[in-house]
Structures are given as structure tokens and as C-alpha cells.
């Protein structure tokens, strides 16, 4: 299902993120502009459209906003450090393995608030990026990762307790370079791991409120 970058109404304009409906039954409303005093009406009209499209859960964002906070998305920054020898445990995603990678990642992200799904239409772009990997050790799949232009776009541990090892291995690709990532405030386990690895919160990207 395609997103709607510009959704105009008489109350204002929003962007509707509908791509998660087939996978997570979730939709997201990003308010761009609103008439004075018309926020409730704008959100309500956007919600009605999202529900008609099949969304069961809907979240909205408009700067600071008002309402019941679902989660905040933080940016974190750190410097990659680890053993470059770990690079040999990374296996790039190929035409033959991209579907498996995508399915594994989407399955692991189901329980993570506001995690983006990788869609079928994005598979070729993922391969072309050259930054998506399987992380192995001794013949066992430990996890998955996606790095591009100094940003960690996705990471998931497949084997329980392997998160730190997966991060160490991925960071071996860019040792000594600055890395950024985004994480939801409700993903406390991931935040603790990133802080252990030297990452610090450097900004608030967005707040999502329950609609």
C-alpha cells in the first residue's frame, strides 16, 4: 500500500504513512499545516481515511502536539569501534537471499514500536545499497543489519542475546567513523545496548501520539 505524501483537507494538510497497514495494521499521520484551532478536525479526517484503508492503530505527529504520547523517536550518535577481523562474519544480501533477509527483519520488528517494514518494492534498492548483511558466527545466523552513509538503518538479533555481537560485527565495517541511528523511547533494551557501546542521545526526531 502506497503512502500519501500530500493529503489536503479543508482543515489543513498532512502526510499519511499507509505502508505498514498490510504488515502491522498501523498508519501514521504527519501533520504539515493546519488551520488555527482545527487540529482535532484535521486528525479526525485523516483517521477516517486510514481506518477505511484498513488501519487498526493510528498515530499522529505535529511538532510537540497534544495528547497521549505513544513513543518518542530519538537520534543517537556514536563512533564505531571493534575488531576489523569480524568483517569476515558478514555476508552481503544478494538477489538470492534478499527475500529471506526482508522476511526475517520484518518478523523481528513486529513487536518494536514504530519500526519500519521493508517492503517487497524496496528489495532491489536494498541490494543496490550494498549495505545490508547477514551476521554469522561458526555457521550460525546471529542477526541482520543495514548500514548506509554512516547511518544504521536496521539491526536485529536473530539468536537470543546476540545483539551486542551483531552490533560489534556491523561496526567493523566502518571502524572509527561516526554512526547515527534512530530508536524508539519504548525500546529500552536497545537503548541500553547502544549506550553500552558508547552511543549518546543527540536529538528528538519525532513524537508519535495515539489517535
N, C-alpha and C. Protein backbone atom coordinates (compact mmCIF):
# COMPACT_ATOMS: atom_id res chain seq x y z
N UNK A 1 0.85 -1.19 0.00
CA UNK A 1 0.00 0.00 0.00
C UNK A 1 0.89 1.25 0.00
N UNK A 2 0.57 2.20 -0.88
CA UNK A 2 1.40 3.38 -1.03
C UNK A 2 1.04 4.47 -0.02
N UNK A 3 2.08 5.20 0.42
CA UNK A 3 1.88 6.36 1.28
C UNK A 3 1.26 7.50 0.47
N UNK A 4 0.68 8.47 1.18
CA UNK A 4 0.14 9.67 0.53
C UNK A 4 0.92 10.86 1.08
N UNK A 5 1.92 11.35 0.32
CA UNK A 5 2.78 12.45 0.82
C UNK A 5 2.00 13.72 1.12
N UNK A 6 0.99 14.01 0.28
CA UNK A 6 0.19 15.22 0.47
C UNK A 6 -1.28 14.82 0.54
N UNK A 7 -1.89 15.00 1.72
CA UNK A 7 -3.31 14.69 1.91
C UNK A 7 -4.01 15.99 2.33
N UNK A 8 -4.56 16.73 1.36
CA UNK A 8 -5.17 18.03 1.67
C UNK A 8 -6.60 17.88 2.18
N UNK A 9 -6.95 18.70 3.15
CA UNK A 9 -8.33 18.77 3.63
C UNK A 9 -8.66 20.25 3.85
N UNK A 10 -9.92 20.53 4.14
CA UNK A 10 -10.30 21.93 4.41
C UNK A 10 -9.71 22.43 5.72
N UNK A 11 -9.21 21.51 6.55
CA UNK A 11 -8.67 21.89 7.87
C UNK A 11 -7.15 22.02 7.86
N UNK A 12 -6.50 21.49 6.82
CA UNK A 12 -5.05 21.55 6.76
C UNK A 12 -4.51 20.44 5.87
N UNK A 13 -3.22 20.23 5.97
CA UNK A 13 -2.53 19.25 5.11
C UNK A 13 -1.70 18.31 5.97
N UNK A 14 -1.72 17.03 5.58
CA UNK A 14 -0.93 16.03 6.30
C UNK A 14 -0.32 15.04 5.32
N UNK A 15 0.64 14.29 5.78
CA UNK A 15 1.16 13.14 5.04
C UNK A 15 0.67 11.89 5.74
N UNK A 16 0.23 10.92 4.96
CA UNK A 16 -0.27 9.67 5.52
C UNK A 16 0.69 8.54 5.17
N UNK A 17 1.19 7.86 6.20
CA UNK A 17 2.06 6.70 6.02
C UNK A 17 1.19 5.45 6.15
N UNK A 18 0.91 4.84 5.00
CA UNK A 18 -0.01 3.70 4.95
C UNK A 18 0.70 2.38 4.69
N UNK A 19 1.98 2.41 4.46
CA UNK A 19 2.72 1.22 4.05
C UNK A 19 2.73 0.12 5.10
N UNK A 20 2.50 0.49 6.36
CA UNK A 20 2.53 -0.50 7.43
C UNK A 20 1.20 -1.22 7.63
N UNK A 21 0.16 -0.78 6.95
CA UNK A 21 -1.16 -1.39 7.15
C UNK A 21 -1.16 -2.88 6.81
N UNK A 22 -0.59 -3.30 5.67
CA UNK A 22 -0.65 -4.74 5.35
C UNK A 22 0.17 -5.60 6.32
N UNK A 23 1.18 -5.01 6.97
CA UNK A 23 2.09 -5.78 7.80
C UNK A 23 1.79 -5.68 9.29
N UNK A 24 1.45 -4.45 9.72
CA UNK A 24 1.27 -4.21 11.16
C UNK A 24 -0.09 -3.63 11.50
N UNK A 25 -0.92 -3.41 10.49
CA UNK A 25 -2.24 -2.79 10.65
C UNK A 25 -2.13 -1.42 11.35
N UNK A 26 -1.03 -0.70 11.03
CA UNK A 26 -0.80 0.61 11.62
C UNK A 26 -0.69 1.66 10.52
N UNK A 27 -1.14 2.88 10.85
CA UNK A 27 -0.98 4.03 9.95
C UNK A 27 -0.47 5.21 10.76
N UNK A 28 0.21 6.13 10.06
CA UNK A 28 0.82 7.28 10.72
C UNK A 28 0.43 8.56 9.99
N UNK A 29 0.09 9.58 10.79
CA UNK A 29 -0.31 10.88 10.25
C UNK A 29 0.74 11.91 10.65
N UNK A 30 1.34 12.54 9.63
CA UNK A 30 2.30 13.61 9.89
C UNK A 30 1.67 14.93 9.48
N UNK A 31 1.27 15.71 10.45
CA UNK A 31 0.62 16.99 10.17
C UNK A 31 1.65 17.96 9.62
N UNK A 32 1.35 18.56 8.48
CA UNK A 32 2.25 19.52 7.84
C UNK A 32 1.81 20.95 8.07
N UNK A 33 0.50 21.18 7.94
CA UNK A 33 -0.02 22.54 8.12
C UNK A 33 -1.46 22.42 8.56
N UNK A 34 -1.88 23.28 9.46
CA UNK A 34 -3.24 23.18 9.99
C UNK A 34 -3.82 24.57 10.19
N UNK A 35 -5.11 24.72 9.92
CA UNK A 35 -5.80 25.98 10.17
C UNK A 35 -5.90 26.19 11.69
N UNK A 36 -5.86 27.45 12.12
CA UNK A 36 -5.94 27.72 13.56
C UNK A 36 -7.15 27.06 14.20
N UNK A 37 -6.90 26.32 15.27
CA UNK A 37 -7.98 25.69 16.03
C UNK A 37 -8.60 24.48 15.36
N UNK A 38 -8.00 23.98 14.30
CA UNK A 38 -8.61 22.88 13.53
C UNK A 38 -7.81 21.57 13.61
N UNK A 39 -6.92 21.45 14.57
CA UNK A 39 -6.11 20.24 14.67
C UNK A 39 -6.96 18.99 14.85
N UNK A 40 -7.93 19.05 15.75
CA UNK A 40 -8.77 17.88 16.01
C UNK A 40 -9.52 17.45 14.76
N UNK A 41 -10.04 18.43 14.02
CA UNK A 41 -10.79 18.10 12.81
C UNK A 41 -9.87 17.50 11.74
N UNK A 42 -8.66 18.05 11.61
CA UNK A 42 -7.72 17.52 10.62
C UNK A 42 -7.34 16.08 10.95
N UNK A 43 -7.00 15.84 12.20
CA UNK A 43 -6.60 14.49 12.61
C UNK A 43 -7.77 13.52 12.42
N UNK A 44 -8.98 13.97 12.77
CA UNK A 44 -10.16 13.10 12.64
C UNK A 44 -10.40 12.70 11.19
N UNK A 45 -10.25 13.66 10.26
CA UNK A 45 -10.47 13.34 8.85
C UNK A 45 -9.39 12.38 8.34
N UNK A 46 -8.15 12.59 8.77
CA UNK A 46 -7.06 11.69 8.38
C UNK A 46 -7.28 10.29 8.96
N UNK A 47 -7.74 10.24 10.21
CA UNK A 47 -8.02 8.96 10.86
C UNK A 47 -9.09 8.18 10.10
N UNK A 48 -10.13 8.87 9.67
CA UNK A 48 -11.22 8.22 8.96
C UNK A 48 -10.71 7.57 7.68
N UNK A 49 -9.82 8.27 6.99
CA UNK A 49 -9.26 7.71 5.76
C UNK A 49 -8.39 6.50 6.07
N UNK A 50 -7.56 6.60 7.10
CA UNK A 50 -6.67 5.50 7.47
C UNK A 50 -7.46 4.25 7.89
N UNK A 51 -8.53 4.47 8.63
CA UNK A 51 -9.36 3.32 9.06
C UNK A 51 -10.03 2.67 7.85
N UNK A 52 -10.47 3.49 6.91
CA UNK A 52 -11.09 2.95 5.70
C UNK A 52 -10.08 2.13 4.89
N UNK A 53 -8.80 2.48 5.03
CA UNK A 53 -7.74 1.76 4.32
C UNK A 53 -7.32 0.49 5.05
N UNK A 54 -7.87 0.27 6.26
CA UNK A 54 -7.59 -0.96 6.99
C UNK A 54 -6.75 -0.83 8.24
N UNK A 55 -6.41 0.39 8.64
CA UNK A 55 -5.59 0.58 9.84
C UNK A 55 -6.39 0.31 11.11
N UNK A 56 -5.81 -0.45 12.02
CA UNK A 56 -6.42 -0.70 13.32
C UNK A 56 -5.82 0.21 14.40
N UNK A 57 -4.55 0.60 14.21
CA UNK A 57 -3.89 1.53 15.12
C UNK A 57 -3.39 2.71 14.31
N UNK A 58 -3.60 3.90 14.84
CA UNK A 58 -3.21 5.11 14.12
C UNK A 58 -2.47 6.04 15.08
N UNK A 59 -1.36 6.59 14.61
CA UNK A 59 -0.57 7.52 15.41
C UNK A 59 -0.36 8.79 14.59
N UNK A 60 -0.21 9.91 15.29
CA UNK A 60 -0.05 11.17 14.59
C UNK A 60 1.06 11.99 15.23
N UNK A 61 1.62 12.89 14.43
CA UNK A 61 2.72 13.72 14.89
C UNK A 61 2.56 15.13 14.34
N UNK A 62 2.78 16.11 15.23
CA UNK A 62 2.68 17.52 14.80
C UNK A 62 3.54 18.36 15.74
N UNK A 63 4.85 18.29 15.58
CA UNK A 63 5.72 19.02 16.49
C UNK A 63 5.56 18.47 17.90
N UNK A 64 5.34 19.34 18.84
CA UNK A 64 5.15 18.90 20.22
C UNK A 64 3.81 18.20 20.40
N UNK A 65 2.79 18.69 19.69
CA UNK A 65 1.49 18.04 19.75
C UNK A 65 0.86 18.06 21.12
N UNK A 66 -0.31 17.53 21.20
CA UNK A 66 -1.02 17.37 22.46
C UNK A 66 -1.77 16.06 22.41
N UNK A 67 -1.75 15.34 23.48
CA UNK A 67 -2.45 14.07 23.52
C UNK A 67 -1.65 13.03 24.28
N UNK A 68 -2.07 11.80 24.14
CA UNK A 68 -1.42 10.70 24.85
C UNK A 68 -0.22 10.23 24.04
N UNK A 69 0.98 10.43 24.60
CA UNK A 69 2.21 10.08 23.89
C UNK A 69 2.33 8.57 23.76
N UNK A 70 2.57 8.13 22.52
CA UNK A 70 2.81 6.71 22.27
C UNK A 70 4.29 6.40 22.42
N UNK A 71 5.11 7.12 21.69
CA UNK A 71 6.55 6.95 21.81
C UNK A 71 7.26 8.15 21.20
N UNK A 72 8.49 8.37 21.64
CA UNK A 72 9.35 9.39 21.06
C UNK A 72 10.48 8.69 20.31
N UNK A 73 10.87 9.25 19.18
CA UNK A 73 11.96 8.68 18.40
C UNK A 73 13.20 9.55 18.61
N UNK A 74 14.25 8.93 19.15
CA UNK A 74 15.48 9.65 19.42
C UNK A 74 16.54 9.33 18.37
N UNK A 75 17.37 10.32 18.09
CA UNK A 75 18.59 10.07 17.32
C UNK A 75 19.71 9.82 18.32
N UNK A 76 20.56 8.83 18.01
CA UNK A 76 21.73 8.55 18.83
C UNK A 76 22.95 8.54 17.93
N UNK A 77 24.07 9.02 18.48
CA UNK A 77 25.32 9.07 17.72
C UNK A 77 26.44 8.42 18.52
N UNK A 78 27.32 7.80 17.77
CA UNK A 78 28.48 7.17 18.41
C UNK A 78 29.56 6.94 17.38
N UNK A 79 30.70 6.45 17.85
CA UNK A 79 31.83 6.14 16.97
C UNK A 79 32.02 4.64 16.92
N UNK A 80 32.06 4.10 15.71
CA UNK A 80 32.21 2.66 15.55
C UNK A 80 33.57 2.20 16.06
N UNK A 81 33.59 1.18 16.86
CA UNK A 81 34.84 0.62 17.37
C UNK A 81 34.66 -0.88 17.58
N UNK A 82 35.58 -1.65 17.12
CA UNK A 82 35.55 -3.10 17.32
C UNK A 82 36.73 -3.72 16.59
N UNK A 83 36.71 -5.02 16.39
CA UNK A 83 37.79 -5.75 15.76
C UNK A 83 37.51 -5.89 14.26
N UNK A 84 38.33 -5.29 13.39
CA UNK A 84 38.09 -5.40 11.94
C UNK A 84 38.05 -6.85 11.45
N UNK A 85 38.62 -7.77 12.20
CA UNK A 85 38.61 -9.18 11.78
C UNK A 85 37.20 -9.74 11.74
N UNK A 86 36.26 -9.08 12.43
CA UNK A 86 34.88 -9.57 12.45
C UNK A 86 34.18 -9.41 11.11
N UNK A 87 34.78 -8.60 10.22
CA UNK A 87 34.15 -8.38 8.91
C UNK A 87 33.92 -9.70 8.18
N UNK A 88 34.77 -10.68 8.42
CA UNK A 88 34.63 -11.96 7.73
C UNK A 88 33.35 -12.70 8.11
N UNK A 89 32.67 -12.23 9.17
CA UNK A 89 31.42 -12.85 9.59
C UNK A 89 30.19 -12.18 8.97
N UNK A 90 30.44 -11.24 8.06
CA UNK A 90 29.35 -10.54 7.39
C UNK A 90 29.15 -11.10 5.98
N UNK A 91 27.89 -11.35 5.63
CA UNK A 91 27.55 -11.89 4.32
C UNK A 91 26.56 -10.94 3.66
N UNK A 92 26.97 -10.26 2.58
CA UNK A 92 26.08 -9.29 1.92
C UNK A 92 24.81 -9.94 1.38
N UNK A 93 23.73 -9.18 1.42
CA UNK A 93 22.46 -9.63 0.85
C UNK A 93 22.58 -9.64 -0.67
N UNK A 94 22.06 -10.69 -1.29
CA UNK A 94 22.10 -10.84 -2.74
C UNK A 94 20.69 -11.03 -3.29
N UNK A 95 20.59 -11.15 -4.59
CA UNK A 95 19.29 -11.42 -5.23
C UNK A 95 18.66 -12.69 -4.66
N UNK A 96 19.51 -13.68 -4.37
CA UNK A 96 19.01 -14.96 -3.89
C UNK A 96 18.60 -14.93 -2.42
N UNK A 97 19.14 -14.00 -1.64
CA UNK A 97 18.89 -14.01 -0.19
C UNK A 97 18.07 -12.82 0.30
N UNK A 98 17.75 -11.85 -0.58
CA UNK A 98 17.09 -10.64 -0.11
C UNK A 98 15.71 -10.91 0.46
N UNK A 99 14.97 -11.85 -0.11
CA UNK A 99 13.64 -12.14 0.41
C UNK A 99 13.72 -12.71 1.82
N UNK A 100 14.67 -13.62 2.05
CA UNK A 100 14.86 -14.17 3.40
C UNK A 100 15.22 -13.08 4.39
N UNK A 101 16.15 -12.19 3.99
CA UNK A 101 16.57 -11.09 4.86
C UNK A 101 15.39 -10.21 5.23
N UNK A 102 14.60 -9.85 4.23
CA UNK A 102 13.46 -8.96 4.46
C UNK A 102 12.43 -9.62 5.38
N UNK A 103 12.13 -10.88 5.15
CA UNK A 103 11.14 -11.57 5.97
C UNK A 103 11.61 -11.71 7.41
N UNK A 104 12.88 -12.03 7.60
CA UNK A 104 13.42 -12.16 8.96
C UNK A 104 13.38 -10.82 9.69
N UNK A 105 13.78 -9.76 9.01
CA UNK A 105 13.78 -8.44 9.65
C UNK A 105 12.37 -8.02 10.01
N UNK A 106 11.44 -8.15 9.09
CA UNK A 106 10.06 -7.74 9.36
C UNK A 106 9.46 -8.52 10.51
N UNK A 107 9.78 -9.80 10.60
CA UNK A 107 9.27 -10.62 11.70
C UNK A 107 9.82 -10.14 13.04
N UNK A 108 11.12 -9.82 13.08
CA UNK A 108 11.73 -9.35 14.33
C UNK A 108 11.23 -7.97 14.73
N UNK A 109 10.82 -7.16 13.76
CA UNK A 109 10.40 -5.79 14.05
C UNK A 109 8.93 -5.68 14.42
N UNK A 110 8.18 -6.77 14.33
CA UNK A 110 6.75 -6.71 14.62
C UNK A 110 6.44 -6.16 16.00
N UNK A 111 7.25 -6.51 16.98
CA UNK A 111 6.98 -6.08 18.34
C UNK A 111 7.69 -4.81 18.75
N UNK A 112 8.32 -4.12 17.80
CA UNK A 112 9.06 -2.90 18.10
C UNK A 112 8.24 -1.69 17.68
N UNK A 113 7.94 -0.81 18.61
CA UNK A 113 7.11 0.36 18.32
C UNK A 113 7.71 1.20 17.20
N UNK A 114 6.87 1.55 16.23
CA UNK A 114 7.20 2.47 15.14
C UNK A 114 8.35 2.00 14.26
N UNK A 115 8.68 0.71 14.30
CA UNK A 115 9.72 0.18 13.41
C UNK A 115 9.17 0.08 12.00
N UNK A 116 9.97 0.50 11.03
CA UNK A 116 9.51 0.50 9.64
C UNK A 116 9.69 -0.88 9.01
N UNK A 117 8.73 -1.28 8.24
CA UNK A 117 8.78 -2.53 7.49
C UNK A 117 9.52 -2.31 6.17
N UNK A 118 10.30 -3.29 5.76
CA UNK A 118 10.93 -3.26 4.44
C UNK A 118 9.98 -3.97 3.48
N UNK A 119 9.52 -3.26 2.47
CA UNK A 119 8.52 -3.80 1.56
C UNK A 119 9.16 -4.52 0.38
N UNK A 120 8.34 -5.27 -0.33
CA UNK A 120 8.82 -6.01 -1.50
C UNK A 120 9.40 -5.05 -2.54
N UNK A 121 8.76 -3.91 -2.72
CA UNK A 121 9.22 -2.96 -3.75
C UNK A 121 10.58 -2.36 -3.42
N UNK A 122 11.02 -2.47 -2.17
CA UNK A 122 12.30 -1.91 -1.76
C UNK A 122 13.45 -2.91 -1.83
N UNK A 123 13.16 -4.15 -2.21
CA UNK A 123 14.19 -5.19 -2.20
C UNK A 123 15.36 -4.85 -3.12
N UNK A 124 15.08 -4.36 -4.33
CA UNK A 124 16.17 -4.07 -5.26
C UNK A 124 17.03 -2.93 -4.75
N UNK A 125 16.38 -1.90 -4.18
CA UNK A 125 17.13 -0.77 -3.64
C UNK A 125 18.00 -1.23 -2.48
N UNK A 126 17.51 -2.18 -1.70
CA UNK A 126 18.28 -2.72 -0.59
C UNK A 126 19.53 -3.43 -1.10
N UNK A 127 19.38 -4.21 -2.16
CA UNK A 127 20.53 -4.89 -2.75
C UNK A 127 21.51 -3.88 -3.32
N UNK A 128 20.99 -2.90 -4.06
CA UNK A 128 21.84 -1.91 -4.71
C UNK A 128 22.62 -1.07 -3.70
N UNK A 129 22.07 -0.90 -2.51
CA UNK A 129 22.76 -0.09 -1.49
C UNK A 129 24.08 -0.74 -1.06
N UNK A 130 24.15 -2.07 -1.14
CA UNK A 130 25.37 -2.77 -0.74
C UNK A 130 25.64 -2.75 0.75
N UNK A 131 24.66 -2.30 1.54
CA UNK A 131 24.90 -2.17 2.97
C UNK A 131 24.11 -3.11 3.85
N UNK A 132 23.39 -4.06 3.25
CA UNK A 132 22.58 -4.99 4.03
C UNK A 132 23.33 -6.31 4.17
N UNK A 133 23.32 -6.86 5.40
CA UNK A 133 24.13 -8.04 5.69
C UNK A 133 23.42 -9.03 6.60
N UNK A 134 23.82 -10.29 6.45
CA UNK A 134 23.57 -11.32 7.44
C UNK A 134 24.83 -11.37 8.32
N UNK A 135 24.64 -11.56 9.62
CA UNK A 135 25.77 -11.70 10.54
C UNK A 135 25.81 -13.14 11.04
N UNK A 136 26.92 -13.82 10.75
CA UNK A 136 27.07 -15.23 11.13
C UNK A 136 28.22 -15.41 12.12
N UNK A 137 28.21 -16.54 12.79
CA UNK A 137 29.35 -16.97 13.60
C UNK A 137 29.31 -18.48 13.70
N UNK A 138 30.40 -19.13 13.31
CA UNK A 138 30.52 -20.59 13.39
C UNK A 138 29.34 -21.29 12.72
N UNK A 139 28.91 -20.75 11.59
CA UNK A 139 27.83 -21.37 10.84
C UNK A 139 26.44 -21.06 11.34
N UNK A 140 26.32 -20.23 12.38
CA UNK A 140 25.02 -19.87 12.94
C UNK A 140 24.66 -18.43 12.57
N UNK A 141 23.42 -18.21 12.20
CA UNK A 141 22.94 -16.86 11.91
C UNK A 141 22.67 -16.13 13.22
N UNK A 142 23.41 -15.05 13.45
CA UNK A 142 23.23 -14.27 14.67
C UNK A 142 22.25 -13.12 14.50
N UNK A 143 22.28 -12.48 13.33
CA UNK A 143 21.42 -11.32 13.16
C UNK A 143 21.53 -10.71 11.78
N UNK A 144 20.94 -9.52 11.66
CA UNK A 144 20.87 -8.80 10.39
C UNK A 144 21.22 -7.34 10.63
N UNK A 145 21.69 -6.69 9.59
CA UNK A 145 21.95 -5.27 9.72
C UNK A 145 21.94 -4.57 8.38
N UNK A 146 21.74 -3.26 8.44
CA UNK A 146 21.72 -2.44 7.22
C UNK A 146 22.37 -1.10 7.54
N UNK A 147 23.52 -0.86 6.92
CA UNK A 147 24.27 0.38 7.10
C UNK A 147 24.34 1.12 5.77
N UNK A 148 24.17 2.45 5.82
CA UNK A 148 24.28 3.24 4.60
C UNK A 148 24.62 4.68 4.95
N UNK A 149 25.69 5.18 4.36
CA UNK A 149 26.10 6.58 4.52
C UNK A 149 26.21 6.99 5.99
N UNK A 150 26.85 6.15 6.78
CA UNK A 150 27.09 6.49 8.17
C UNK A 150 25.88 6.38 9.07
N UNK A 151 24.83 5.73 8.58
CA UNK A 151 23.61 5.58 9.38
C UNK A 151 23.23 4.11 9.48
N UNK A 152 22.93 3.67 10.68
CA UNK A 152 22.45 2.32 10.90
C UNK A 152 20.93 2.34 10.69
N UNK A 153 20.50 1.80 9.56
CA UNK A 153 19.09 1.86 9.19
C UNK A 153 18.27 0.74 9.83
N UNK A 154 18.90 -0.39 10.08
CA UNK A 154 18.18 -1.52 10.68
C UNK A 154 19.18 -2.47 11.33
N UNK A 155 18.78 -3.05 12.44
CA UNK A 155 19.58 -4.08 13.08
C UNK A 155 18.64 -4.99 13.86
N UNK A 156 18.91 -6.28 13.83
CA UNK A 156 18.06 -7.24 14.55
C UNK A 156 18.89 -8.46 14.92
N UNK A 157 18.76 -8.90 16.15
CA UNK A 157 19.39 -10.14 16.59
C UNK A 157 18.43 -11.29 16.34
N UNK A 158 18.89 -12.31 15.64
CA UNK A 158 18.07 -13.49 15.39
C UNK A 158 18.26 -14.49 16.52
N UNK A 159 19.49 -14.66 16.95
CA UNK A 159 19.79 -15.55 18.09
C UNK A 159 19.67 -14.75 19.37
N UNK A 160 18.98 -15.28 20.35
CA UNK A 160 18.75 -14.56 21.61
C UNK A 160 20.08 -14.19 22.27
N UNK A 161 20.17 -12.93 22.70
CA UNK A 161 21.36 -12.48 23.39
C UNK A 161 22.51 -12.09 22.49
N UNK A 162 22.29 -12.09 21.17
CA UNK A 162 23.38 -11.82 20.23
C UNK A 162 23.45 -10.36 19.79
N UNK A 163 22.64 -9.49 20.37
CA UNK A 163 22.58 -8.11 19.92
C UNK A 163 23.91 -7.39 19.94
N UNK A 164 24.66 -7.56 21.03
CA UNK A 164 25.94 -6.86 21.14
C UNK A 164 26.92 -7.39 20.10
N UNK A 165 26.96 -8.70 19.91
CA UNK A 165 27.86 -9.28 18.91
C UNK A 165 27.49 -8.81 17.50
N UNK A 166 26.20 -8.73 17.22
CA UNK A 166 25.76 -8.25 15.91
C UNK A 166 26.20 -6.81 15.69
N UNK A 167 26.03 -5.96 16.69
CA UNK A 167 26.45 -4.57 16.58
C UNK A 167 27.95 -4.46 16.39
N UNK A 168 28.73 -5.21 17.17
CA UNK A 168 30.18 -5.18 17.03
C UNK A 168 30.59 -5.54 15.60
N UNK A 169 29.97 -6.58 15.06
CA UNK A 169 30.33 -7.05 13.73
C UNK A 169 29.98 -6.01 12.67
N UNK A 170 28.80 -5.43 12.76
CA UNK A 170 28.40 -4.40 11.79
C UNK A 170 29.31 -3.18 11.88
N UNK A 171 29.68 -2.77 13.08
CA UNK A 171 30.52 -1.59 13.23
C UNK A 171 31.92 -1.82 12.71
N UNK A 172 32.33 -3.10 12.55
CA UNK A 172 33.65 -3.39 12.00
C UNK A 172 33.80 -2.85 10.58
N UNK A 173 32.68 -2.69 9.89
CA UNK A 173 32.71 -2.17 8.52
C UNK A 173 33.15 -0.72 8.45
N UNK A 174 32.88 0.03 9.49
CA UNK A 174 33.13 1.48 9.47
C UNK A 174 33.89 1.90 10.73
N UNK A 175 34.83 1.09 11.15
CA UNK A 175 35.55 1.35 12.39
C UNK A 175 36.16 2.75 12.38
N UNK A 176 35.95 3.45 13.48
CA UNK A 176 36.49 4.79 13.64
C UNK A 176 35.62 5.89 13.05
N UNK A 177 34.56 5.53 12.35
CA UNK A 177 33.68 6.53 11.75
C UNK A 177 32.49 6.82 12.67
N UNK A 178 31.91 8.00 12.49
CA UNK A 178 30.72 8.37 13.24
C UNK A 178 29.51 7.63 12.67
N UNK A 179 28.66 7.15 13.57
CA UNK A 179 27.45 6.44 13.18
C UNK A 179 26.25 7.10 13.84
N UNK A 180 25.13 7.13 13.14
CA UNK A 180 23.88 7.59 13.73
C UNK A 180 22.83 6.50 13.58
N UNK A 181 21.87 6.52 14.47
CA UNK A 181 20.75 5.59 14.40
C UNK A 181 19.56 6.24 15.07
N UNK A 182 18.38 5.67 14.84
CA UNK A 182 17.16 6.14 15.49
C UNK A 182 16.55 5.00 16.29
N UNK A 183 16.00 5.33 17.45
CA UNK A 183 15.44 4.32 18.32
C UNK A 183 14.23 4.89 19.05
N UNK A 184 13.23 4.05 19.25
CA UNK A 184 12.02 4.47 19.96
C UNK A 184 12.27 4.47 21.47
N UNK A 185 11.67 5.42 22.15
CA UNK A 185 11.86 5.54 23.61
C UNK A 185 11.38 4.31 24.35
N UNK A 186 10.43 3.58 23.76
CA UNK A 186 9.91 2.38 24.42
C UNK A 186 10.80 1.16 24.21
N UNK A 187 11.78 1.26 23.33
CA UNK A 187 12.70 0.15 23.08
C UNK A 187 13.88 0.27 24.05
N UNK A 188 13.58 0.08 25.33
CA UNK A 188 14.56 0.33 26.38
C UNK A 188 15.76 -0.61 26.30
N UNK A 189 15.53 -1.84 25.91
CA UNK A 189 16.63 -2.80 25.80
C UNK A 189 17.65 -2.36 24.76
N UNK A 190 17.15 -1.90 23.62
CA UNK A 190 18.05 -1.44 22.56
C UNK A 190 18.81 -0.20 23.01
N UNK A 191 18.13 0.73 23.69
CA UNK A 191 18.79 1.95 24.16
C UNK A 191 19.92 1.60 25.11
N UNK A 192 19.70 0.67 26.02
CA UNK A 192 20.75 0.27 26.96
C UNK A 192 21.96 -0.31 26.21
N UNK A 193 21.69 -1.11 25.18
CA UNK A 193 22.78 -1.68 24.40
C UNK A 193 23.57 -0.59 23.69
N UNK A 194 22.87 0.34 23.04
CA UNK A 194 23.56 1.39 22.31
C UNK A 194 24.39 2.27 23.26
N UNK A 195 23.85 2.56 24.43
CA UNK A 195 24.60 3.35 25.41
C UNK A 195 25.84 2.60 25.88
N UNK A 196 25.71 1.30 26.04
CA UNK A 196 26.86 0.47 26.44
C UNK A 196 27.96 0.54 25.39
N UNK A 197 27.55 0.68 24.12
CA UNK A 197 28.51 0.74 23.02
C UNK A 197 29.01 2.16 22.76
N UNK A 198 28.61 3.10 23.61
CA UNK A 198 29.12 4.46 23.51
C UNK A 198 28.25 5.45 22.76
N UNK A 199 27.05 5.05 22.39
CA UNK A 199 26.15 5.97 21.70
C UNK A 199 25.44 6.87 22.71
N UNK A 200 25.20 8.11 22.29
CA UNK A 200 24.52 9.08 23.13
C UNK A 200 23.32 9.65 22.39
N UNK A 201 22.26 9.99 23.12
CA UNK A 201 21.11 10.65 22.51
C UNK A 201 21.51 12.07 22.13
N UNK A 202 21.29 12.42 20.87
CA UNK A 202 21.70 13.74 20.40
C UNK A 202 20.53 14.57 19.88
N UNK A 203 19.34 14.00 19.85
CA UNK A 203 18.22 14.78 19.37
C UNK A 203 16.92 14.00 19.41
N UNK A 204 15.83 14.76 19.38
CA UNK A 204 14.49 14.18 19.30
C UNK A 204 14.01 14.32 17.87
N UNK A 205 13.78 13.20 17.21
CA UNK A 205 13.38 13.20 15.81
C UNK A 205 11.88 13.48 15.67
N UNK A 206 11.09 12.80 16.48
CA UNK A 206 9.63 12.92 16.35
C UNK A 206 8.94 12.34 17.57
N UNK A 207 7.77 12.87 17.87
CA UNK A 207 6.89 12.27 18.88
C UNK A 207 5.64 11.77 18.20
N UNK A 208 5.28 10.54 18.53
CA UNK A 208 4.04 9.95 17.98
C UNK A 208 3.00 9.87 19.10
N UNK A 209 1.81 10.41 18.79
CA UNK A 209 0.71 10.40 19.75
C UNK A 209 -0.36 9.41 19.30
N UNK A 210 -1.06 8.83 20.26
CA UNK A 210 -2.14 7.92 19.93
C UNK A 210 -3.33 8.70 19.40
N UNK A 211 -3.86 8.25 18.28
CA UNK A 211 -5.01 8.92 17.68
C UNK A 211 -6.29 8.22 18.13
